[in-house]
Every structure is written in structure tokens, then in C-alpha cells.
Amino acid sequence: MSTLVARPRTSRTPSHVARGVRFAGQMLYVVLADGREIGVPLARFPWLARASHAQRRKWRIEPRGFAVYWDDLDDGIEVEHLFE
């Protein structure tokens, strides 16, 4: 006989929390709460590479810092994906 045991739900806190965003040339940098900056080429996100400078500036951090979202572009990036 096998038994299924349900594990209690816990609030999941992302291990990498975004605090800011900046652009330099063809790079996107996400500033993390621990002070690190993760840089990735804009080419990795074609929808963001095609955006105007004005559209790129209108970003917001999702609650608890798990992602950066651009309302005007209707798209975003989860911080954890930057580490893949």
C-alpha cells in the first residue's frame, strides 16, 4: 500500500529579488536586492530590443521583486530566468 502525504504550503520567497533596471548599449541590467547586477544582451528578449527608449523606461517591479514588467509592452522577465 502506498501513502500520499501532503506537504504543508509555505510562502515561497524568490532567491533573487529585483530592485531596479538599467540599460547600457545593447545590454539590460537588473539590479538585485543584494547589490549584484545581472547583465544580459537585449537580443535575448527581442520584444524588449525592438522597444523604444521611452517604452523601456516604463518598467515596474512585480510584488516581492520576482519579475520586472513593462506595461506598455505587455511583457516581462522573471528574475530567475536571467540565471538560466
Foldseek 3Di string as FASTA:
>chain_A
DDDDDDDDDDDDQDPWAFDDWDDDDQWIWTATPVGDIQIDGVVVPVLQSPDDPVQNVQWDADPNRQWIDRPVSRDIDGPVVSVD
